[in-house]
Amino acid sequence: MLCVRLLYMCVMCECDEMSGYSYMYTVWSNVYTVWSYVYTVWSNVYTVWSNVYTVWSYLYILYGVTCILYGVKCILYGVMCILYGILCVYCMELSVYCMELSVYCMELCIHCMAFSVYTVWSNVYTVWSYVYTVWHSLCILYGVMYTLYGVMYILYGVTCILYGVTCILYGVMYTLYGVMCILYGILCILYGVMCILYGVMYILYGVMCILYVILCILYVILCILYGVMCILYVILCILYGVMCILYVILCILYGVTCMLYSVAVSHRGPQTGWHPLDCQDIWERGMRSDGEYTIYLRGSHHPLPVYCDMTTNGKAWTVVQKRFDGSEDFNQDWQNYLQGFGKANEEYWLGLQNIYRLTMQGPYELRVEMEDMEGAEVYAQYLNFSLSPHALNAESDGYKLHVDGFTDGGAGDILGAHVGQKFSTYDKDQDDHIQNCAEYWGGGFWYESLGCADATLNARYMLPKGTGRHRLFGFSWNNGMELPAPLRSSQMKMRRLQEND
């Protein structure tokens, strides 16, 4: 936390108003975090107290049940007292019956006294009956006493019943109080859990505040970096503008140079320093045999060996690609395809840079000749041929293929589907296909987006049918059959158009 505050104080030096607000917010979040910790401890203590209160409520329930059992005992004792009082009343009735019997005996003795014979006996019996009467009177008194004692016991039993009912009600009250205590304890537990969750929420809130401060610091750093990047971008834009101005100046100088060179070429004679631009210049000097010649591309003093076809259609063609036996490996990297490889008298590729510079010397037409393994020869010819004609930098544009004005020589418009495609090699995949077509077919070409290529003129050289599994994926052209036909040889040649063409 101290490191965060120090870092934040450093940021305050750059942004006073925003940093002061963030610092106050950080202090508040720290105080709030400490309060959340205290609140969490208090909630834990409250949870323990609620557990103790729950145990106490269970004890109250047990006490209530005991009171209920004691009330039941008192009710049973009261019932027993009532039964004892009823028994006492029954004894009093029995004493009354005995008294009535004594009275009857006394009357009987009185009747006997009428007889003289029994006079003495009746007197004795009379005395005895008086004694018995007194005795029964005492029994009656004793029965009344027991009756009163029974009534008292009945009242005592009723009192015990009422006391038992009171104890039951008291027990029910304590039971309800215990249940209430349990519910109160549950509420206390829930309140403690809520307090814990509330404390955790405040802790998370404090962490969120800290993260917010860190994000603010990162945002300030990003703003600084963005400002630096904007400054660099402005500098780059200025440099790019200067480069564009220099490029325009160079283009103007190059155009003036080309104009001067064209004037010089148009007036050149049989001097020893003659530099032909292409095979057309050589043909115009009367050299009409097929073979290897040396040309000098416009603006260059470096000799470039090429193969010239001086017989096809009675015109001069500069060959830019030639294959006939597979002796040269065409699965080359981008740099080799850029500069060219092979030998002009054998299999070779002139190079994208050289082909592009040829097309910049004037309008050119393209002729593609092919021969399959059965000896059938076909061609396709295009009146206009160029590479990235509208680009300031052809290499950055990928040397896009442009052909039109198709003439069919049996091969079909094999390059029509490749118009506008960039040149691709296995180490520089510029095609629009999902896979690396150059790596798949084993050679660089202007691969199209759907099936890579209808013609793979620079792909791996294939053996005749039946001699190798790889024959389906190599040097071939699409002749309208289900599978591309493997080729024996091919030539791509270009010719500068003349005014009478």
Protein backbone atom coordinates (compact mmCIF):
# COMPACT_ATOMS: atom_id res chain seq x y z
CA MET A 1 0.00 0.00 0.00
CA LEU A 2 2.91 2.39 0.76
CA CYS A 3 4.42 1.68 -2.68
CA VAL A 4 1.11 2.44 -4.33
CA ARG A 5 0.85 5.76 -2.46
CA LEU A 6 4.44 6.76 -3.39
CA LEU A 7 3.80 5.90 -7.02
CA TYR A 8 0.61 7.87 -6.94
CA MET A 9 2.39 10.89 -5.42
CA CYS A 10 4.82 10.73 -8.36
CA VAL A 11 1.92 10.87 -10.78
CA MET A 12 0.54 13.89 -8.82
CA CYS A 13 3.54 15.91 -9.96
CA GLU A 14 2.24 15.69 -13.54
CA CYS A 15 -1.51 16.02 -13.01
CA ASP A 16 -2.35 18.00 -9.82
CA GLU A 17 -6.11 18.12 -9.98
CA MET A 18 -6.69 14.55 -11.09
CA SER A 19 -3.96 13.16 -8.78
CA GLY A 20 -5.31 15.01 -5.69
CA TYR A 21 -8.73 13.56 -6.24
CA SER A 22 -7.29 10.06 -6.74
CA TYR A 23 -5.12 10.39 -3.59
CA MET A 24 -8.14 11.41 -1.44
CA TYR A 25 -10.05 8.51 -2.95
CA THR A 26 -7.16 6.13 -2.09
CA VAL A 27 -7.07 7.34 1.58
CA TRP A 28 -10.83 6.91 1.85
CA SER A 29 -10.64 3.40 0.38
CA ASN A 30 -7.88 2.45 2.90
CA VAL A 31 -9.98 3.74 5.87
CA TYR A 32 -12.98 1.92 4.50
CA THR A 33 -10.92 -1.30 4.20
CA VAL A 34 -9.83 -1.07 7.89
CA TRP A 35 -13.47 -0.47 8.89
CA SER A 36 -14.50 -3.54 6.91
CA TYR A 37 -11.91 -5.66 8.79
CA VAL A 38 -13.26 -4.35 12.21
CA TYR A 39 -16.80 -5.02 11.04
CA THR A 40 -15.81 -8.58 10.04
CA VAL A 41 -14.34 -9.25 13.54
CA TRP A 42 -17.50 -7.85 15.17
CA SER A 43 -19.68 -10.07 12.98
CA ASN A 44 -17.64 -13.15 14.04
CA VAL A 45 -18.10 -12.24 17.75
CA TYR A 46 -21.80 -11.73 17.14
CA THR A 47 -21.99 -15.16 15.47
CA VAL A 48 -20.40 -16.80 18.57
CA TRP A 49 -22.86 -14.96 20.85
CA SER A 50 -25.80 -16.13 18.72
CA ASN A 51 -24.57 -19.75 19.03
CA VAL A 52 -24.44 -19.41 22.87
CA TYR A 53 -27.92 -17.90 22.83
CA THR A 54 -29.17 -20.84 20.76
CA VAL A 55 -27.83 -23.31 23.38
CA TRP A 56 -29.52 -21.26 26.14
CA SER A 57 -32.83 -21.42 24.22
CA TYR A 58 -32.50 -25.23 24.04
CA LEU A 59 -32.12 -25.28 27.85
CA TYR A 60 -35.30 -23.17 28.15
CA ILE A 61 -37.17 -25.71 26.02
CA LEU A 62 -35.99 -28.53 28.33
CA TYR A 63 -37.16 -26.47 31.35
CA GLY A 64 -40.59 -25.96 29.74
CA VAL A 65 -40.93 -29.72 29.06
CA THR A 66 -40.05 -30.37 32.75
CA CYS A 67 -42.77 -27.93 33.84
CA ILE A 68 -45.29 -29.70 31.62
CA LEU A 69 -44.38 -33.09 33.17
CA TYR A 70 -44.69 -31.57 36.69
CA GLY A 71 -48.15 -30.19 35.80
CA VAL A 72 -49.23 -33.66 34.60
CA LYS A 73 -48.01 -35.07 37.94
CA CYS A 74 -50.07 -32.46 39.87
CA ILE A 75 -53.18 -33.27 37.80
CA LEU A 76 -52.78 -37.00 38.61
CA TYR A 77 -52.36 -36.15 42.31
CA GLY A 78 -55.55 -33.99 42.23
CA VAL A 79 -57.52 -36.83 40.58
CA MET A 80 -56.28 -39.18 43.31
CA CYS A 81 -57.47 -36.69 46.00
CA ILE A 82 -60.92 -36.44 44.38
CA LEU A 83 -61.22 -40.25 44.39
CA TYR A 84 -60.20 -40.30 48.07
CA GLY A 85 -62.89 -37.64 48.92
CA ILE A 86 -65.54 -39.72 47.09
CA LEU A 87 -64.47 -42.73 49.19
CA CYS A 88 -64.91 -40.65 52.39
CA VAL A 89 -68.44 -39.62 51.35
CA TYR A 90 -69.28 -43.28 50.77
CA CYS A 91 -68.07 -44.11 54.35
CA MET A 92 -70.35 -41.37 55.78
CA GLU A 93 -73.32 -42.87 53.95
CA LEU A 94 -72.41 -46.26 55.45
CA SER A 95 -72.39 -44.70 59.00
CA VAL A 96 -75.82 -43.18 58.42
CA TYR A 97 -77.08 -46.57 57.38
CA CYS A 98 -75.68 -48.09 60.62
CA MET A 99 -77.40 -45.32 62.67
CA GLU A 100 -80.73 -46.07 60.98
CA LEU A 101 -80.22 -49.74 61.81
CA SER A 102 -79.61 -48.86 65.50
CA VAL A 103 -82.80 -46.79 65.58
CA TYR A 104 -84.70 -49.72 64.16
CA CYS A 105 -83.21 -51.98 66.85
CA MET A 106 -84.17 -49.47 69.54
CA GLU A 107 -87.77 -49.46 68.30
CA LEU A 108 -87.74 -53.20 68.31
CA CYS A 109 -86.55 -53.18 71.95
CA ILE A 110 -89.27 -50.74 72.87
CA HIS A 111 -91.83 -53.14 71.43
CA CYS A 112 -90.31 -55.91 73.45
CA MET A 113 -90.62 -53.95 76.65
CA ALA A 114 -94.39 -54.43 76.35
CA PHE A 115 -93.93 -57.91 77.32
CA SER A 116 -93.27 -58.42 80.92
CA VAL A 117 -91.36 -61.57 80.48
CA TYR A 118 -88.68 -59.69 78.74
CA THR A 119 -88.82 -56.53 80.81
CA VAL A 120 -85.46 -56.98 82.44
CA TRP A 121 -83.91 -58.06 79.22
CA SER A 122 -85.41 -55.14 77.39
CA ASN A 123 -84.06 -52.73 79.92
CA VAL A 124 -80.62 -54.14 79.49
CA TYR A 125 -81.06 -54.06 75.76
CA THR A 126 -82.36 -50.56 75.96
CA VAL A 127 -79.23 -49.49 77.77
CA TRP A 128 -77.23 -51.30 75.16
CA SER A 129 -79.18 -49.64 72.37
CA TYR A 130 -78.54 -46.24 73.92
CA VAL A 131 -74.87 -47.04 74.02
CA TYR A 132 -75.03 -48.25 70.44
CA THR A 133 -76.96 -45.13 69.48
CA VAL A 134 -74.27 -42.99 71.03
CA TRP A 135 -71.67 -45.04 69.23
CA HIS A 136 -73.47 -44.57 65.90
CA SER A 137 -73.82 -40.91 66.58
CA LEU A 138 -70.09 -40.76 67.01
CA CYS A 139 -69.75 -42.71 63.75
CA ILE A 140 -72.02 -40.19 62.04
CA LEU A 141 -69.86 -37.35 63.32
CA TYR A 142 -66.79 -39.20 62.19
CA GLY A 143 -68.43 -39.73 58.75
CA VAL A 144 -69.30 -36.02 58.55
CA MET A 145 -65.74 -35.24 59.45
CA TYR A 146 -64.47 -37.58 56.73
CA THR A 147 -67.00 -36.07 54.34
CA LEU A 148 -65.62 -32.59 55.03
CA TYR A 149 -62.10 -34.04 54.75
CA GLY A 150 -63.09 -35.53 51.36
CA VAL A 151 -64.55 -32.22 50.20
CA MET A 152 -61.34 -30.57 51.28
CA TYR A 153 -59.34 -33.13 49.31
CA ILE A 154 -61.63 -32.56 46.30
CA LEU A 155 -60.94 -28.83 46.54
CA TYR A 156 -57.22 -29.59 46.96
CA GLY A 157 -57.38 -31.85 43.89
CA VAL A 158 -59.12 -29.13 41.90
CA THR A 159 -56.42 -26.73 43.09
CA CYS A 160 -53.73 -29.22 42.00
CA ILE A 161 -55.44 -29.61 38.61
CA LEU A 162 -55.52 -25.85 38.21
CA TYR A 163 -51.87 -25.70 39.32
CA GLY A 164 -51.02 -28.45 36.81
CA VAL A 165 -52.86 -26.59 34.04
CA THR A 166 -50.95 -23.47 35.09
CA CYS A 167 -47.69 -25.45 34.95
CA ILE A 168 -48.64 -26.79 31.50
CA LEU A 169 -49.41 -23.30 30.29
CA TYR A 170 -46.17 -22.10 31.87
CA GLY A 171 -44.30 -24.96 30.12
CA VAL A 172 -45.99 -24.13 26.80
CA MET A 173 -45.01 -20.51 27.36
CA TYR A 174 -41.41 -21.52 28.03
CA THR A 175 -41.46 -23.83 25.01
CA LEU A 176 -42.68 -20.99 22.81
CA TYR A 177 -40.08 -18.75 24.41
CA GLY A 178 -37.40 -21.37 23.62
CA VAL A 179 -38.61 -21.62 20.01
CA MET A 180 -38.52 -17.82 19.85
CA CYS A 181 -34.97 -17.91 21.22
CA ILE A 182 -33.99 -20.46 18.58
CA LEU A 183 -35.49 -18.29 15.86
CA TYR A 184 -33.76 -15.28 17.35
CA GLY A 185 -30.48 -17.23 17.40
CA ILE A 186 -30.98 -18.19 13.73
CA LEU A 187 -31.65 -14.55 12.94
CA CYS A 188 -28.47 -13.60 14.82
CA ILE A 189 -26.50 -16.20 12.83
CA LEU A 190 -27.96 -14.90 9.58
CA TYR A 191 -27.19 -11.36 10.68
CA GLY A 192 -23.60 -12.41 11.48
CA VAL A 193 -23.27 -14.08 8.07
CA MET A 194 -24.67 -10.93 6.50
CA CYS A 195 -22.12 -8.87 8.43
CA ILE A 196 -19.33 -11.18 7.21
CA LEU A 197 -20.55 -10.86 3.63
CA TYR A 198 -20.84 -7.12 4.11
CA GLY A 199 -17.25 -7.03 5.41
CA VAL A 200 -16.06 -9.15 2.46
CA MET A 201 -17.91 -6.77 0.14
CA TYR A 202 -16.09 -3.83 1.68
CA ILE A 203 -12.77 -5.65 1.35
CA LEU A 204 -13.52 -6.31 -2.32
CA TYR A 205 -14.54 -2.71 -2.69
CA GLY A 206 -11.22 -1.63 -1.19
CA VAL A 207 -9.35 -3.96 -3.58
CA MET A 208 -11.39 -2.53 -6.44
CA CYS A 209 -10.40 0.99 -5.38
CA ILE A 210 -6.74 -0.04 -5.33
CA LEU A 211 -7.11 -1.59 -8.80
CA TYR A 212 -8.83 1.58 -9.95
CA VAL A 213 -5.87 3.64 -8.76
CA ILE A 214 -3.49 1.27 -10.57
CA LEU A 215 -5.61 1.57 -13.73
CA CYS A 216 -5.52 5.35 -13.43
CA ILE A 217 -1.72 5.21 -13.18
CA LEU A 218 -1.54 2.89 -16.20
CA TYR A 219 -3.93 5.19 -18.06
CA VAL A 220 -1.65 8.18 -17.37
CA ILE A 221 1.35 6.16 -18.57
CA LEU A 222 -0.57 5.11 -21.70
CA CYS A 223 -1.54 8.72 -22.34
CA ILE A 224 2.12 9.74 -22.06
CA LEU A 225 3.15 6.91 -24.41
CA TYR A 226 0.33 7.84 -26.79
CA GLY A 227 1.55 11.44 -26.80
CA VAL A 228 5.10 10.27 -27.53
CA MET A 229 3.74 7.99 -30.27
CA CYS A 230 1.77 10.89 -31.78
CA ILE A 231 4.93 13.01 -31.79
CA LEU A 232 6.84 10.16 -33.48
CA TYR A 233 3.97 9.73 -35.94
CA VAL A 234 4.12 13.43 -36.82
CA ILE A 235 7.88 13.15 -37.31
CA LEU A 236 7.36 10.05 -39.49
CA CYS A 237 4.71 11.87 -41.51
CA ILE A 238 7.13 14.76 -42.04
CA LEU A 239 9.86 12.31 -43.09
CA TYR A 240 7.40 10.48 -45.35
CA GLY A 241 6.42 13.81 -46.95
CA VAL A 242 10.09 14.62 -47.52
CA MET A 243 10.60 11.12 -49.00
CA CYS A 244 7.61 11.62 -51.30
CA ILE A 245 9.02 14.96 -52.46
CA LEU A 246 12.40 13.32 -53.09
CA TYR A 247 10.68 10.43 -54.89
CA VAL A 248 8.80 12.86 -57.14
CA ILE A 249 12.06 14.66 -57.90
CA LEU A 250 13.73 11.30 -58.68
CA CYS A 251 10.81 10.30 -60.91
CA ILE A 252 11.11 13.60 -62.77
CA LEU A 253 14.86 13.08 -63.18
CA TYR A 254 14.26 9.47 -64.24
CA GLY A 255 11.70 10.62 -66.82
CA VAL A 256 14.10 13.24 -68.18
CA THR A 257 16.83 10.58 -68.32
CA CYS A 258 14.54 8.17 -70.15
CA MET A 259 13.59 10.86 -72.64
CA LEU A 260 17.24 11.71 -73.29
CA TYR A 261 18.04 7.99 -73.57
CA SER A 262 15.17 7.45 -76.00
CA VAL A 263 16.42 10.29 -78.16
CA ALA A 264 19.91 8.84 -78.04
CA VAL A 265 18.65 5.33 -78.91
CA SER A 266 16.53 6.62 -81.80
CA HIS A 267 19.65 8.14 -83.36
CA ARG A 268 22.12 5.38 -82.53
CA GLY A 269 23.99 3.75 -85.39
CA PRO A 270 26.33 0.81 -85.73
CA GLN A 271 28.56 2.09 -82.96
CA THR A 272 30.39 -0.38 -80.76
CA GLY A 273 28.60 0.85 -77.63
CA TRP A 274 25.17 -0.30 -78.86
CA HIS A 275 22.99 -1.70 -76.03
CA PRO A 276 19.82 -3.54 -77.16
CA LEU A 277 16.80 -3.13 -74.86
CA ASP A 278 15.31 -6.51 -75.72
CA CYS A 279 15.25 -9.19 -78.42
CA GLN A 280 13.25 -6.83 -80.69
CA ASP A 281 16.29 -4.51 -80.97
CA ILE A 282 18.51 -7.49 -81.77
CA TRP A 283 16.04 -8.73 -84.41
CA GLU A 284 16.00 -5.29 -85.99
CA ARG A 285 19.81 -5.44 -86.34
CA GLY A 286 19.41 -8.50 -88.58
CA MET A 287 20.21 -11.26 -86.09
CA ARG A 288 17.41 -13.79 -86.68
CA SER A 289 18.68 -17.00 -85.04
CA ASP A 290 17.22 -18.44 -81.82
CA GLY A 291 19.67 -18.47 -78.92
CA GLU A 292 21.22 -16.62 -76.02
CA TYR A 293 21.82 -12.88 -76.36
CA THR A 294 22.75 -10.03 -74.08
CA ILE A 295 20.42 -7.08 -73.50
CA TYR A 296 20.65 -3.92 -71.42
CA LEU A 297 17.51 -2.78 -69.69
CA ARG A 298 16.72 0.91 -69.94
CA GLY A 299 18.75 2.94 -67.47
CA SER A 300 21.13 0.03 -66.79
CA HIS A 301 24.67 -0.66 -68.02
CA HIS A 302 24.73 -4.21 -66.67
CA PRO A 303 24.45 -6.98 -69.30
CA LEU A 304 21.50 -9.34 -68.90
CA PRO A 305 21.70 -12.70 -70.73
CA VAL A 306 18.33 -13.77 -72.21
CA TYR A 307 17.05 -16.39 -74.61
CA CYS A 308 15.57 -14.89 -77.82
CA ASP A 309 12.97 -16.72 -79.94
CA MET A 310 13.43 -15.22 -83.42
CA THR A 311 11.20 -17.64 -85.37
CA THR A 312 7.74 -17.82 -83.75
CA ASN A 313 5.32 -15.93 -86.01
CA GLY A 314 8.39 -14.31 -87.66
CA LYS A 315 8.86 -12.01 -84.69
CA ALA A 316 11.35 -11.49 -81.87
CA TRP A 317 10.29 -12.78 -78.44
CA THR A 318 12.20 -12.26 -75.19
CA VAL A 319 11.82 -15.49 -73.19
CA VAL A 320 11.27 -14.87 -69.45
CA GLN A 321 10.55 -18.47 -68.39
CA LYS A 322 11.70 -21.73 -69.96
CA ARG A 323 11.34 -25.36 -68.81
CA PHE A 324 11.74 -28.60 -70.72
CA ASP A 325 13.40 -31.36 -68.62
CA GLY A 326 13.17 -30.45 -64.89
CA SER A 327 16.93 -29.93 -64.54
CA GLU A 328 16.43 -26.61 -62.76
CA ASP A 329 14.70 -26.51 -59.36
CA PHE A 330 11.95 -23.87 -59.55
CA ASN A 331 11.06 -24.19 -55.84
CA GLN A 332 13.13 -21.09 -55.03
CA ASP A 333 12.73 -18.38 -52.38
CA TRP A 334 11.49 -14.83 -52.97
CA GLN A 335 14.94 -13.32 -53.46
CA ASN A 336 15.83 -15.75 -56.27
CA TYR A 337 12.48 -15.20 -58.00
CA LEU A 338 13.12 -11.47 -57.68
CA GLN A 339 16.60 -11.53 -59.29
CA GLY A 340 16.21 -14.60 -61.51
CA PHE A 341 17.93 -18.01 -61.63
CA GLY A 342 19.09 -20.64 -64.10
CA LYS A 343 20.90 -20.25 -67.45
CA ALA A 344 19.44 -18.69 -70.60
CA ASN A 345 20.47 -21.65 -72.83
CA GLU A 346 18.94 -24.09 -70.35
CA GLU A 347 15.99 -23.84 -67.96
CA TYR A 348 15.72 -20.42 -66.34
CA TRP A 349 13.58 -17.64 -64.85
CA LEU A 350 14.47 -14.08 -65.90
CA GLY A 351 13.45 -12.49 -62.54
CA LEU A 352 10.51 -10.32 -61.47
CA GLN A 353 12.63 -7.14 -61.36
CA ASN A 354 13.88 -7.67 -64.92
CA ILE A 355 10.40 -8.57 -66.25
CA TYR A 356 8.96 -5.46 -64.60
CA ARG A 357 11.68 -3.23 -66.08
CA LEU A 358 11.05 -4.77 -69.50
CA THR A 359 7.34 -3.90 -69.30
CA MET A 360 8.26 -0.32 -68.28
CA GLN A 361 10.12 0.15 -71.60
CA GLY A 362 6.90 0.14 -73.60
CA PRO A 363 3.77 -1.91 -74.34
CA TYR A 364 4.38 -5.67 -74.43
CA GLU A 365 2.36 -8.73 -75.37
CA LEU A 366 2.72 -12.15 -73.72
CA ARG A 367 2.73 -15.62 -75.25
CA VAL A 368 2.60 -18.80 -73.14
CA GLU A 369 3.52 -22.03 -74.96
CA MET A 370 3.11 -25.52 -73.46
CA GLU A 371 3.69 -29.13 -74.49
CA ASP A 372 2.23 -32.06 -72.58
CA MET A 373 3.67 -35.54 -72.07
CA GLU A 374 1.91 -36.80 -75.22
CA GLY A 375 3.58 -34.17 -77.42
CA ALA A 376 0.52 -31.96 -77.90
CA GLU A 377 1.48 -28.27 -78.22
CA VAL A 378 -0.86 -25.38 -77.30
CA TYR A 379 -0.48 -21.70 -76.50
CA ALA A 380 -2.29 -18.72 -75.04
CA GLN A 381 -1.49 -15.16 -76.17
CA TYR A 382 -2.35 -11.83 -74.52
CA LEU A 383 -2.09 -8.50 -76.31
CA ASN A 384 -1.30 -6.50 -73.13
CA PHE A 385 1.02 -7.72 -70.41
CA SER A 386 2.44 -5.84 -67.40
CA LEU A 387 3.29 -6.18 -63.70
CA SER A 388 1.84 -3.68 -61.17
CA PRO A 389 1.49 -1.00 -63.88
CA HIS A 390 -0.05 1.62 -61.55
CA ALA A 391 2.05 1.05 -58.42
CA LEU A 392 4.72 3.42 -57.14
CA ASN A 393 6.66 0.43 -55.79
CA ALA A 394 6.11 -2.78 -57.73
CA GLU A 395 7.76 -5.00 -55.12
CA SER A 396 5.56 -3.65 -52.30
CA ASP A 397 2.57 -4.16 -54.61
CA GLY A 398 3.59 -7.81 -55.08
CA TYR A 399 4.23 -7.56 -58.87
CA LYS A 400 0.51 -8.03 -59.58
CA LEU A 401 -0.24 -9.74 -62.90
CA HIS A 402 -2.13 -7.82 -65.59
CA VAL A 403 -3.07 -9.44 -68.96
CA ASP A 404 -5.89 -8.83 -71.46
CA GLY A 405 -6.59 -9.17 -75.17
CA PHE A 406 -6.65 -13.00 -75.06
CA THR A 407 -6.06 -15.10 -78.20
CA ASP A 408 -6.68 -18.84 -77.85
CA GLY A 409 -4.15 -21.27 -79.22
CA GLY A 410 -5.75 -24.37 -77.70
CA ALA A 411 -4.62 -23.77 -74.14
CA GLY A 412 -7.59 -21.68 -73.05
CA ASP A 413 -7.50 -18.51 -70.99
CA ILE A 414 -5.35 -20.08 -68.29
CA LEU A 415 -4.08 -16.76 -66.87
CA GLY A 416 -7.40 -14.92 -66.95
CA ALA A 417 -8.27 -16.18 -63.46
CA HIS A 418 -4.91 -14.95 -62.12
CA VAL A 419 -5.27 -11.27 -63.11
CA GLY A 420 -4.66 -8.93 -60.16
CA GLN A 421 -2.95 -11.62 -58.05
CA LYS A 422 0.37 -11.03 -56.30
CA PHE A 423 3.39 -13.23 -56.91
CA SER A 424 3.95 -15.75 -54.08
CA THR A 425 6.80 -18.01 -53.00
CA TYR A 426 7.01 -20.52 -50.20
CA ASP A 427 8.75 -17.95 -47.95
CA LYS A 428 6.52 -15.00 -48.98
CA ASP A 429 2.89 -16.08 -49.15
CA GLN A 430 0.93 -13.25 -50.83
CA ASP A 431 -1.96 -15.20 -52.34
CA ASP A 432 -5.55 -15.04 -51.06
CA HIS A 433 -5.91 -18.79 -50.67
CA ILE A 434 -6.31 -20.38 -47.23
CA GLN A 435 -3.09 -22.36 -47.68
CA ASN A 436 0.41 -21.51 -48.92
CA CYS A 437 -0.05 -22.37 -52.58
CA ALA A 438 3.64 -21.91 -53.46
CA GLU A 439 4.65 -24.38 -50.75
CA TYR A 440 1.89 -26.80 -51.78
CA TRP A 441 2.70 -26.75 -55.53
CA GLY A 442 6.47 -26.40 -55.12
CA GLY A 443 7.13 -23.16 -57.01
CA GLY A 444 6.41 -19.42 -57.14
CA PHE A 445 3.53 -18.04 -59.27
CA TRP A 446 0.57 -15.62 -59.37
CA TYR A 447 -1.75 -18.02 -57.48
CA GLU A 448 -5.48 -17.25 -57.42
CA SER A 449 -7.77 -17.48 -54.40
CA LEU A 450 -10.10 -20.39 -55.28
CA GLY A 451 -7.97 -23.34 -56.37
CA CYS A 452 -4.49 -21.81 -56.22
CA ALA A 453 -3.95 -22.19 -59.98
CA ASP A 454 -5.39 -23.43 -63.25
CA ALA A 455 -1.83 -23.38 -64.59
CA THR A 456 1.19 -24.09 -62.37
CA LEU A 457 4.01 -23.28 -64.78
CA ASN A 458 6.66 -22.88 -62.06
CA ALA A 459 5.57 -25.84 -59.88
CA ARG A 460 7.62 -28.96 -59.24
CA TYR A 461 8.47 -30.90 -62.40
CA MET A 462 6.38 -34.07 -62.64
CA LEU A 463 7.29 -37.47 -64.02
CA PRO A 464 5.16 -39.08 -66.77
CA LYS A 465 1.85 -40.66 -65.81
CA GLY A 466 2.15 -43.69 -63.54
CA THR A 467 5.74 -43.04 -62.40
CA GLY A 468 5.11 -40.96 -59.31
CA ARG A 469 2.32 -40.17 -56.87
CA HIS A 470 3.23 -36.47 -56.89
CA ARG A 471 2.10 -36.06 -60.50
CA LEU A 472 -1.20 -34.54 -59.28
CA PHE A 473 0.51 -31.61 -57.61
CA GLY A 474 3.08 -30.01 -59.90
CA PHE A 475 4.02 -28.59 -63.32
CA SER A 476 0.68 -28.79 -65.19
CA TRP A 477 -2.14 -26.92 -66.90
CA ASN A 478 -5.92 -27.31 -66.78
CA ASN A 479 -7.11 -28.66 -70.11
CA GLY A 480 -10.75 -28.92 -69.06
CA MET A 481 -10.37 -32.52 -67.87
CA GLU A 482 -11.06 -33.63 -64.30
CA LEU A 483 -7.39 -33.40 -63.37
CA PRO A 484 -4.68 -31.00 -64.67
CA ALA A 485 -2.52 -32.44 -67.45
CA PRO A 486 1.21 -32.73 -66.56
CA LEU A 487 3.50 -30.74 -68.86
CA ARG A 488 6.77 -31.65 -70.52
CA SER A 489 7.83 -28.10 -71.37
CA SER A 490 6.68 -24.48 -71.25
CA GLN A 491 7.85 -21.02 -72.31
CA MET A 492 6.66 -17.59 -71.26
CA LYS A 493 7.87 -15.01 -73.78
CA MET A 494 7.10 -11.33 -74.31
CA ARG A 495 7.43 -8.97 -77.31
CA ARG A 496 7.44 -5.17 -77.52
CA LEU A 497 4.54 -3.99 -79.65
CA GLN A 498 5.34 -1.96 -82.76
CA GLU A 499 3.34 0.80 -84.39
CA ASN A 500 2.10 -1.51 -87.15
CA ASP A 501 0.85 -4.28 -84.69
